[in-house]
Amino acid sequence: MTTPANNQICLIFLLSDFEESPDEITKLLGITPTSVTKAGTARRRHTVTANSWSLEADASDRSLDEHFQTVFAMLEPCWPAYMRLAKANSLEIICQLWREDENRPVPELFLSRVILDRMSEIDAEFGIEVY
């Protein structure tokens, strides 16, 4: 994951709790994820309990809608397969807003009807985290 600079947005599509290995998901979709975790993998202070596969737009000061457009464009070639995976597993869409400089404008958090319609196709949970 990219660490955003002041007043930037990072958008993450996180698919988790699936039985297949993350490598199988990558092969099925035909696109390279930003990151993966495999259940049972030891981390510094814990063991990963669920598989995950994520794709994210680069952190920037673009609007939230533009971030969604970027990720949806990345997923377009495999959209039907991604929809099936999203509906059969857990999909979270996480918007991280890094707000550290009050003198700089905050990226726009507007979502167009087109983006909202596309989100409804995959039954995703959506959250905004402000740091």
Foldseek 3Di string as FASTA:
>chain_A
DDDADAQKKKKKKKWKADDDALVVVCVLQVDAFPDWDPAQPDDDPGGRHMTMTMHMDDIDQAAPQVRLVVVCVRRVVRVVVQLVSLQVTAIEMEMETEHDDPVDDHRHHDHDPVSVVSCVSNPYHYDYHYD
